[in-house]
Amino acid sequence: MIIFILVILFSIQNREEVALRFGLYPIQDRFWEVPKLPLFLIILCSVFLGVLIGGIGDLYQRFQLKKFLRQNEKMIERLSREVETLRSSGMEQPPSLNGEA
């Protein structure tokens, strides 16, 4: 609620209209120009776009970590089964493992 109130106050205080221009000035004299928009709208859209890009990057990283976790869980399962098969096959343990050291 506090953030919402701060955004409203920010919007009321920054209502001046500004024109955004983008161009390759040293190369060309042409500019791409957006119709005049309120300053608060430009700033809030920029913040929203930054949060969106950051969120997409975070989601990608989470999916990569989940994939890595699944791979490790499968490897742990496979190695556990291998240990059980070796134990059940009657192989004798080395002296350091069965306490006869």
Protein backbone atom coordinates (compact mmCIF):
# COMPACT_ATOMS: atom_id res chain seq x y z
CA MET A 1 0.00 0.00 0.00
CA ILE A 2 2.85 2.36 0.81
CA ILE A 3 4.48 1.72 -2.57
CA PHE A 4 1.16 2.39 -4.31
CA ILE A 5 0.81 5.73 -2.50
CA LEU A 6 4.39 6.67 -3.38
CA VAL A 7 3.77 5.84 -7.05
CA ILE A 8 0.63 8.02 -7.05
CA LEU A 9 2.54 10.91 -5.47
CA PHE A 10 5.37 10.46 -7.97
CA SER A 11 2.88 10.47 -10.84
CA ILE A 12 1.14 13.63 -9.67
CA GLN A 13 4.43 15.51 -9.33
CA ASN A 14 5.86 14.44 -12.73
CA ARG A 15 3.08 15.13 -15.20
CA GLU A 16 5.14 17.24 -17.61
CA GLU A 17 5.12 15.90 -21.14
CA VAL A 18 8.42 14.96 -22.73
CA ALA A 19 9.34 13.75 -26.18
CA LEU A 20 11.66 10.79 -26.53
CA ARG A 21 14.05 10.77 -29.46
CA PHE A 22 16.44 8.14 -30.64
CA GLY A 23 18.79 8.38 -33.55
CA LEU A 24 22.28 7.69 -34.76
CA TYR A 25 23.33 11.32 -34.67
CA PRO A 26 26.91 11.07 -35.98
CA ILE A 27 25.83 8.74 -38.78
CA GLN A 28 22.38 10.07 -39.70
CA ASP A 29 20.37 13.17 -38.93
CA ARG A 30 17.10 11.23 -38.75
CA PHE A 31 15.47 10.67 -35.41
CA TRP A 32 12.86 8.23 -34.29
CA GLU A 33 10.47 10.24 -32.16
CA VAL A 34 7.65 9.16 -29.87
CA PRO A 35 4.66 11.44 -29.34
CA LYS A 36 4.88 13.45 -26.14
CA LEU A 37 4.17 11.36 -23.06
CA PRO A 38 4.03 12.21 -19.36
CA LEU A 39 7.38 11.79 -17.61
CA PHE A 40 5.98 9.50 -14.92
CA LEU A 41 4.65 7.11 -17.58
CA ILE A 42 8.05 6.83 -19.23
CA ILE A 43 9.82 6.21 -15.92
CA LEU A 44 7.27 3.66 -14.67
CA CYS A 45 7.34 1.81 -18.00
CA SER A 46 11.13 1.69 -17.83
CA VAL A 47 11.02 0.26 -14.30
CA PHE A 48 8.40 -2.29 -15.34
CA LEU A 49 10.48 -3.34 -18.34
CA GLY A 50 13.56 -3.76 -16.12
CA VAL A 51 11.63 -5.89 -13.63
CA LEU A 52 10.23 -7.99 -16.48
CA ILE A 53 13.66 -8.62 -18.00
CA GLY A 54 15.10 -9.46 -14.57
CA GLY A 55 12.20 -11.81 -13.86
CA ILE A 56 12.70 -13.67 -17.13
CA GLY A 57 16.40 -14.07 -16.32
CA ASP A 58 15.53 -15.37 -12.85
CA LEU A 59 13.03 -17.89 -14.26
CA TYR A 60 15.62 -19.16 -16.73
CA GLN A 61 18.15 -19.63 -13.93
CA ARG A 62 15.58 -21.46 -11.78
CA PHE A 63 14.76 -23.86 -14.62
CA GLN A 64 18.46 -24.55 -15.13
CA LEU A 65 18.92 -25.27 -11.41
CA LYS A 66 15.90 -27.61 -11.37
CA LYS A 67 17.29 -29.47 -14.38
CA PHE A 68 20.67 -29.81 -12.63
CA LEU A 69 18.94 -31.02 -9.45
CA ARG A 70 16.95 -33.68 -11.35
CA GLN A 71 20.15 -34.92 -13.02
CA ASN A 72 21.91 -35.17 -9.66
CA GLU A 73 18.96 -36.99 -8.08
CA LYS A 74 18.99 -39.54 -10.91
CA MET A 75 22.74 -40.04 -10.47
CA ILE A 76 22.31 -40.51 -6.70
CA GLU A 77 19.57 -43.09 -7.33
CA ARG A 78 21.73 -44.95 -9.84
CA LEU A 79 24.72 -44.97 -7.51
CA SER A 80 22.59 -46.12 -4.56
CA ARG A 81 21.27 -49.04 -6.62
CA GLU A 82 24.83 -49.90 -7.63
CA VAL A 83 25.96 -49.88 -3.99
CA GLU A 84 23.05 -52.14 -3.01
CA THR A 85 23.85 -54.58 -5.80
CA LEU A 86 27.48 -54.71 -4.74
CA ARG A 87 26.49 -55.31 -1.12
CA SER A 88 24.01 -58.05 -2.04
CA SER A 89 26.44 -59.79 -4.41
CA GLY A 90 28.47 -60.90 -1.40
CA MET A 91 31.60 -58.94 -2.15
CA GLU A 92 33.77 -58.70 0.91
CA GLN A 93 34.37 -55.24 2.26
CA PRO A 94 37.91 -53.96 2.67
CA PRO A 95 39.24 -54.17 6.25
CA SER A 96 39.11 -50.39 6.69
CA LEU A 97 35.33 -50.34 6.09
CA ASN A 98 34.20 -53.28 8.29
CA GLY A 99 36.07 -52.13 11.40
CA GLU A 100 38.94 -54.65 11.44
CA ALA A 101 41.70 -52.08 11.07
